[in-house]
Amino acid sequence: MKRSTLMKLALTFVAMFAIAELNAQILTVYSATQATEANSYQTVGKDFKLIALPDPVYSPSYVAADNGPLGPTSQWTWTYAGLTGTPLTTVASDTNLIAFTNPAIGVYPINVVESNTLGGCAGGSILLTVNVVAAPTAVVTTGNPDQACGDQPSANVVVTFTENVPNTMAGYAFGINEIVEEINPSDVVLNVYTASHSLYNFLTTAKAKTGTAGFAAATPSFTFTFPTANLVVRNNHRTRYTYTLVNASDVATAGVVSAISQKSDFGGSVTSYAFGAKTTYVAIVNPAPITGPIYHISNTYAY
């Protein structure tokens, strides 16, 4: 066989594997069933799909990666309320996939039954409960301390995340930046002692979650606690330490991304959700004033 022919075959196989990999994204990412996870969680307003695995007797050529072909006599009837879906509720359809759009916050039982036009046979009903929850929020919940005199020890700062999901599903992508500035009595910056830099950077691929140092899970309120630097007066100037909640470096816009919100973005770009009202922790330490000498008229003034 000519080398050029071998090369063409090799390229063909590469293309076939690439296409197979793309097709595999269709169904193989739908890895959970109601038997392994009886509750599914979605972020409010995010479209989602469900897929029922067809009976192999009536869809013998079915390939999971392609979600097809489906048997020509197979039908599925989805039953649900409070959601906008295609196919419509209680209407038999020749597709095993249902798509829901713009779901509102709530708990939605969704049932599916596979049937067949050959003799009117129908299978048992399978139930999945879909929990549509509010978008995640993140806020610095530790109040700024009163200004202090002299060097102070490190302080613990708490960031609180709110999302109505189980502890085992809570994970958050965000960052914490630090800047240390020397300021005058009017808070005007005299010198940037330490430029703004990333102190923590939890990526969408490495979120803060159970097992992360400082992270505590207690649904629906989760916390991440971190220590500041030692609060030291720099160069005998008032010194301001600022810690700011920011987006993770792999997120395009300011805000937090959760594991559930990222899952709900499947097939599209990752959405970040705005932080709460307080995004900073600010601590100021002041040098102790040096009391000057007392001046008086010298006793030798008129001597």
Protein backbone atom coordinates (compact mmCIF):
# COMPACT_ATOMS: atom_id res chain seq x y z
CA MET A 1 0.00 0.00 0.00
CA LYS A 2 1.34 3.40 -0.96
CA ARG A 3 2.48 5.77 1.78
CA SER A 4 0.01 8.43 0.57
CA THR A 5 -2.84 5.92 0.89
CA LEU A 6 -1.75 5.02 4.41
CA MET A 7 -1.65 8.70 5.29
CA LYS A 8 -5.18 9.21 3.96
CA LEU A 9 -6.42 6.26 5.99
CA ALA A 10 -4.72 7.58 9.10
CA LEU A 11 -6.31 11.00 8.64
CA THR A 12 -9.67 9.34 8.09
CA PHE A 13 -9.36 7.42 11.37
CA VAL A 14 -8.33 10.61 13.20
CA ALA A 15 -11.40 12.38 11.80
CA MET A 16 -13.61 9.46 12.79
CA PHE A 17 -12.29 9.52 16.35
CA ALA A 18 -12.75 13.30 16.52
CA ILE A 19 -16.36 12.98 15.36
CA ALA A 20 -16.94 10.14 17.83
CA GLU A 21 -15.54 12.29 20.63
CA LEU A 22 -17.91 15.13 19.72
CA ASN A 23 -20.85 12.75 19.51
CA ALA A 24 -19.89 11.24 22.86
CA GLN A 25 -20.69 14.58 24.45
CA ILE A 26 -24.35 14.11 23.58
CA LEU A 27 -25.26 11.45 26.09
CA THR A 28 -22.23 10.17 27.97
CA VAL A 29 -22.10 13.37 30.05
CA TYR A 30 -25.64 12.45 31.12
CA SER A 31 -24.08 9.94 33.50
CA ALA A 32 -26.45 10.13 36.47
CA THR A 33 -29.80 8.35 36.70
CA GLN A 34 -32.64 8.70 39.17
CA ALA A 35 -31.25 5.53 40.79
CA THR A 36 -27.86 7.14 41.52
CA GLU A 37 -29.11 10.71 42.09
CA ALA A 38 -32.82 10.93 42.81
CA ASN A 39 -32.64 14.74 42.80
CA SER A 40 -31.20 16.89 40.05
CA TYR A 41 -30.25 20.53 40.72
CA GLN A 42 -30.45 23.37 38.20
CA THR A 43 -29.96 27.14 38.43
CA VAL A 44 -33.04 29.28 37.93
CA GLY A 45 -33.65 30.47 34.37
CA LYS A 46 -31.24 27.97 32.81
CA ASP A 47 -32.61 25.65 30.10
CA PHE A 48 -31.96 21.95 30.60
CA LYS A 49 -32.66 18.58 28.99
CA LEU A 50 -33.44 15.10 30.22
CA ILE A 51 -32.95 11.83 28.34
CA ALA A 52 -34.64 8.48 28.95
CA LEU A 53 -32.62 5.41 28.04
CA PRO A 54 -34.64 3.40 25.48
CA ASP A 55 -35.55 -0.25 25.88
CA PRO A 56 -32.96 -2.32 23.91
CA VAL A 57 -35.64 -4.71 22.63
CA TYR A 58 -37.41 -1.95 20.70
CA SER A 59 -34.29 0.13 19.92
CA PRO A 60 -31.72 -2.62 19.25
CA SER A 61 -29.31 -0.41 17.28
CA TYR A 62 -29.27 2.39 19.84
CA VAL A 63 -25.86 3.97 20.51
CA ALA A 64 -25.69 6.00 23.70
CA ALA A 65 -23.07 8.40 22.36
CA ASP A 66 -25.41 9.38 19.52
CA ASN A 67 -28.68 9.01 21.44
CA GLY A 68 -29.99 7.01 18.51
CA PRO A 69 -31.25 5.45 16.43
CA LEU A 70 -34.52 5.05 18.32
CA GLY A 71 -36.92 2.26 17.44
CA PRO A 72 -39.57 3.34 14.92
CA THR A 73 -42.40 2.07 17.14
CA SER A 74 -41.08 3.49 20.42
CA GLN A 75 -42.77 6.38 22.22
CA TRP A 76 -42.19 8.30 25.44
CA THR A 77 -44.70 10.22 27.53
CA TRP A 78 -43.34 12.83 29.93
CA THR A 79 -45.51 14.12 32.77
CA TYR A 80 -44.69 17.33 34.63
CA ALA A 81 -46.25 20.55 35.92
CA GLY A 82 -45.05 24.13 36.32
CA LEU A 83 -42.40 23.84 33.61
CA THR A 84 -42.29 24.78 29.95
CA GLY A 85 -41.17 21.70 28.08
CA THR A 86 -40.99 20.10 24.66
CA PRO A 87 -42.62 17.60 24.19
CA LEU A 88 -45.68 18.77 26.10
CA THR A 89 -46.71 17.04 29.30
CA THR A 90 -48.73 13.79 28.95
CA VAL A 91 -48.31 13.79 25.14
CA ALA A 92 -46.76 10.64 23.64
CA SER A 93 -43.77 11.47 21.44
CA ASP A 94 -41.27 9.54 19.34
CA THR A 95 -38.34 11.20 21.12
CA ASN A 96 -36.72 10.13 24.39
CA LEU A 97 -35.35 13.64 25.01
CA ILE A 98 -37.24 16.48 26.66
CA ALA A 99 -36.10 20.11 26.76
CA PHE A 100 -37.17 22.62 29.42
CA THR A 101 -36.80 26.38 29.06
CA ASN A 102 -36.48 29.19 31.61
CA PRO A 103 -37.44 27.22 34.73
CA ALA A 104 -38.57 29.10 37.83
CA ILE A 105 -37.40 28.30 41.36
CA GLY A 106 -39.21 25.24 42.65
CA VAL A 107 -39.26 21.48 43.06
CA TYR A 108 -40.54 19.59 40.03
CA PRO A 109 -41.37 15.85 39.89
CA ILE A 110 -40.88 14.65 36.31
CA ASN A 111 -42.10 11.23 35.19
CA VAL A 112 -41.50 9.34 31.96
CA VAL A 113 -43.06 6.18 30.56
CA GLU A 114 -41.83 4.34 27.48
CA SER A 115 -44.56 2.75 25.40
CA ASN A 116 -44.84 1.07 22.04
CA THR A 117 -47.29 1.20 19.19
CA LEU A 118 -47.03 -2.58 18.79
CA GLY A 119 -49.99 -3.76 20.86
CA GLY A 120 -50.02 -0.70 23.12
CA CYS A 121 -47.44 -1.97 25.61
CA ALA A 122 -46.24 0.52 28.22
CA GLY A 123 -43.45 0.32 30.76
CA GLY A 124 -43.40 1.48 34.34
CA SER A 125 -43.14 5.16 35.30
CA ILE A 126 -39.70 6.52 36.17
CA LEU A 127 -39.50 9.60 38.45
CA LEU A 128 -36.79 12.24 38.66
CA THR A 129 -37.14 15.26 40.95
CA VAL A 130 -35.60 18.44 39.57
CA ASN A 131 -34.80 21.18 42.08
CA VAL A 132 -34.46 24.61 40.47
CA VAL A 133 -32.59 26.87 42.90
CA ALA A 134 -31.69 30.55 43.06
CA ALA A 135 -28.37 31.61 41.56
CA PRO A 136 -25.44 31.51 43.99
CA THR A 137 -24.40 34.63 45.87
CA ALA A 138 -21.12 35.47 47.60
CA VAL A 139 -20.43 38.25 50.10
CA VAL A 140 -17.81 39.21 52.66
CA THR A 141 -19.65 38.83 55.96
CA THR A 142 -16.87 39.91 58.32
CA GLY A 143 -17.27 43.56 59.25
CA ASN A 144 -14.39 46.00 58.93
CA PRO A 145 -12.66 46.46 62.30
CA ASP A 146 -12.23 49.76 64.07
CA GLN A 147 -8.93 51.44 63.32
CA ALA A 148 -6.25 50.18 65.68
CA CYS A 149 -3.16 51.69 67.21
CA GLY A 150 0.05 49.91 66.43
CA ASP A 151 0.72 46.49 64.98
CA GLN A 152 -2.11 43.96 65.19
CA PRO A 153 -2.23 40.18 64.68
CA SER A 154 -3.72 38.52 61.62
CA ALA A 155 -7.54 38.55 61.46
CA ASN A 156 -9.89 35.89 60.12
CA VAL A 157 -12.19 36.99 57.30
CA VAL A 158 -15.33 35.09 56.30
CA VAL A 159 -16.84 34.92 52.81
CA THR A 160 -20.37 33.47 52.79
CA PHE A 161 -21.98 31.70 49.84
CA THR A 162 -25.72 31.16 49.68
CA GLU A 163 -27.16 28.41 47.48
CA ASN A 164 -29.87 25.90 48.32
CA VAL A 165 -27.94 22.76 47.37
CA PRO A 166 -26.69 19.78 49.40
CA ASN A 167 -23.31 20.06 51.09
CA THR A 168 -21.80 17.50 48.75
CA MET A 169 -22.71 19.59 45.69
CA ALA A 170 -21.53 22.99 46.93
CA GLY A 171 -18.40 24.27 45.19
CA TYR A 172 -17.41 27.82 44.24
CA ALA A 173 -15.01 29.54 41.86
CA PHE A 174 -13.81 32.96 43.01
CA GLY A 175 -10.69 34.83 44.09
CA ILE A 176 -9.38 37.05 46.89
CA ASN A 177 -7.00 39.94 46.15
CA GLU A 178 -4.84 41.77 48.70
CA ILE A 179 -3.33 45.26 48.61
CA VAL A 180 -1.33 47.05 51.34
CA GLU A 181 -1.13 50.85 51.22
CA GLU A 182 0.46 53.59 53.31
CA ILE A 183 -1.98 56.47 53.73
CA ASN A 184 -2.09 59.91 55.32
CA PRO A 185 -4.64 61.11 57.93
CA SER A 186 -7.07 61.95 55.07
CA ASP A 187 -6.76 58.41 53.61
CA VAL A 188 -4.78 59.64 50.61
CA VAL A 189 -2.36 56.98 49.41
CA LEU A 190 1.27 57.89 50.08
CA ASN A 191 2.81 54.65 48.92
CA VAL A 192 1.65 51.24 47.74
CA TYR A 193 3.60 48.97 50.05
CA THR A 194 2.33 45.76 48.41
CA ALA A 195 0.65 45.98 45.00
CA SER A 196 -2.70 44.32 44.46
CA HIS A 197 -2.18 40.62 43.93
CA SER A 198 -4.05 37.34 44.05
CA LEU A 199 -4.14 35.74 47.48
CA TYR A 200 -6.61 32.98 46.51
CA ASN A 201 -7.75 31.87 43.08
CA PHE A 202 -10.27 29.03 43.03
CA LEU A 203 -10.75 28.14 39.37
CA THR A 204 -13.84 26.60 37.78
CA THR A 205 -11.78 23.41 37.55
CA ALA A 206 -10.60 23.60 41.19
CA LYS A 207 -13.39 25.14 43.24
CA ALA A 208 -13.49 25.75 46.98
CA LYS A 209 -15.58 22.92 48.41
CA THR A 210 -15.69 20.30 51.15
CA GLY A 211 -12.09 19.29 51.80
CA THR A 212 -10.68 22.73 50.93
CA ALA A 213 -8.90 24.32 53.89
CA GLY A 214 -11.12 27.04 55.35
CA PHE A 215 -14.31 25.87 53.62
CA ALA A 216 -17.29 24.88 55.76
CA ALA A 217 -20.48 23.35 54.36
CA ALA A 218 -23.86 23.87 56.03
CA THR A 219 -26.54 24.16 53.36
CA PRO A 220 -27.84 26.64 52.29
CA SER A 221 -25.05 28.81 53.72
CA PHE A 222 -21.43 27.91 53.04
CA THR A 223 -18.36 29.77 54.26
CA PHE A 224 -14.72 30.22 53.35
CA THR A 225 -12.54 31.64 56.13
CA PHE A 226 -9.07 32.95 55.46
CA PRO A 227 -6.42 34.81 57.53
CA THR A 228 -5.13 38.25 56.65
CA ALA A 229 -1.48 39.12 56.86
CA ASN A 230 -0.21 40.38 60.19
CA LEU A 231 -1.46 43.96 60.32
CA VAL A 232 1.80 45.87 60.66
CA VAL A 233 2.36 49.64 60.56
CA ARG A 234 4.63 50.27 57.59
CA ASN A 235 7.27 53.03 57.50
CA ASN A 236 5.59 54.79 60.43
CA HIS A 237 2.58 55.62 58.23
CA ARG A 238 -1.05 54.72 58.68
CA THR A 239 -1.33 51.40 56.84
CA ARG A 240 -4.43 50.04 55.12
CA TYR A 241 -4.92 46.36 54.33
CA THR A 242 -7.68 45.65 51.79
CA TYR A 243 -8.96 42.20 50.84
CA THR A 244 -11.34 42.11 47.86
CA LEU A 245 -13.63 39.39 46.55
CA VAL A 246 -13.02 38.95 42.79
CA ASN A 247 -13.87 36.48 40.04
CA ALA A 248 -11.60 33.50 39.41
CA SER A 249 -8.95 34.09 36.76
CA ASP A 250 -10.65 31.69 34.34
CA VAL A 251 -13.99 33.53 34.59
CA ALA A 252 -14.51 36.47 32.24
CA THR A 253 -16.68 38.74 34.40
CA ALA A 254 -16.92 39.69 38.06
CA GLY A 255 -18.94 37.32 40.18
CA VAL A 256 -19.09 33.82 41.57
CA VAL A 257 -19.57 30.53 39.72
CA SER A 258 -20.88 27.47 41.56
CA ALA A 259 -20.65 23.81 40.66
CA ILE A 260 -24.41 23.72 40.06
CA SER A 261 -24.53 26.97 38.08
CA GLN A 262 -21.66 25.75 35.88
CA LYS A 263 -23.48 22.46 35.34
CA SER A 264 -26.58 24.47 34.39
CA ASP A 265 -24.50 26.28 31.74
CA PHE A 266 -23.75 22.98 29.97
CA GLY A 267 -23.45 23.58 26.25
CA GLY A 268 -22.86 27.33 26.63
CA SER A 269 -20.45 29.80 28.20
CA VAL A 270 -19.92 29.93 31.95
CA THR A 271 -22.07 32.51 33.74
CA SER A 272 -20.79 34.40 36.78
CA TYR A 273 -23.27 35.79 39.30
CA ALA A 274 -22.83 39.19 40.94
CA PHE A 275 -21.29 39.37 44.38
CA GLY A 276 -23.29 40.73 47.30
CA ALA A 277 -23.16 44.27 48.64
CA LYS A 278 -19.95 43.88 50.64
CA THR A 279 -16.96 42.65 48.67
CA THR A 280 -14.06 43.95 50.79
CA TYR A 281 -12.52 43.66 54.21
CA VAL A 282 -10.51 46.74 55.20
CA ALA A 283 -8.28 47.06 58.24
CA ILE A 284 -6.27 50.19 59.13
CA VAL A 285 -3.48 50.31 61.68
CA ASN A 286 -2.09 53.63 62.86
CA PRO A 287 1.32 54.47 64.29
CA ALA A 288 1.20 55.73 67.86
CA PRO A 289 1.75 59.50 67.87
CA ILE A 290 4.97 60.69 69.43
CA THR A 291 4.17 63.26 72.10
CA GLY A 292 6.33 66.35 71.62
CA PRO A 293 8.17 68.31 74.33
CA ILE A 294 6.44 71.05 76.32
CA TYR A 295 7.65 74.52 75.41
CA HIS A 296 7.63 77.41 77.83
CA ILE A 297 9.27 80.81 78.11
CA SER A 298 12.77 80.29 79.27
CA ASN A 299 13.57 81.44 82.78
CA THR A 300 16.55 83.30 81.31
CA TYR A 301 14.36 85.29 78.97
CA ALA A 302 14.69 88.48 81.10
CA TYR A 303 17.76 87.61 83.10
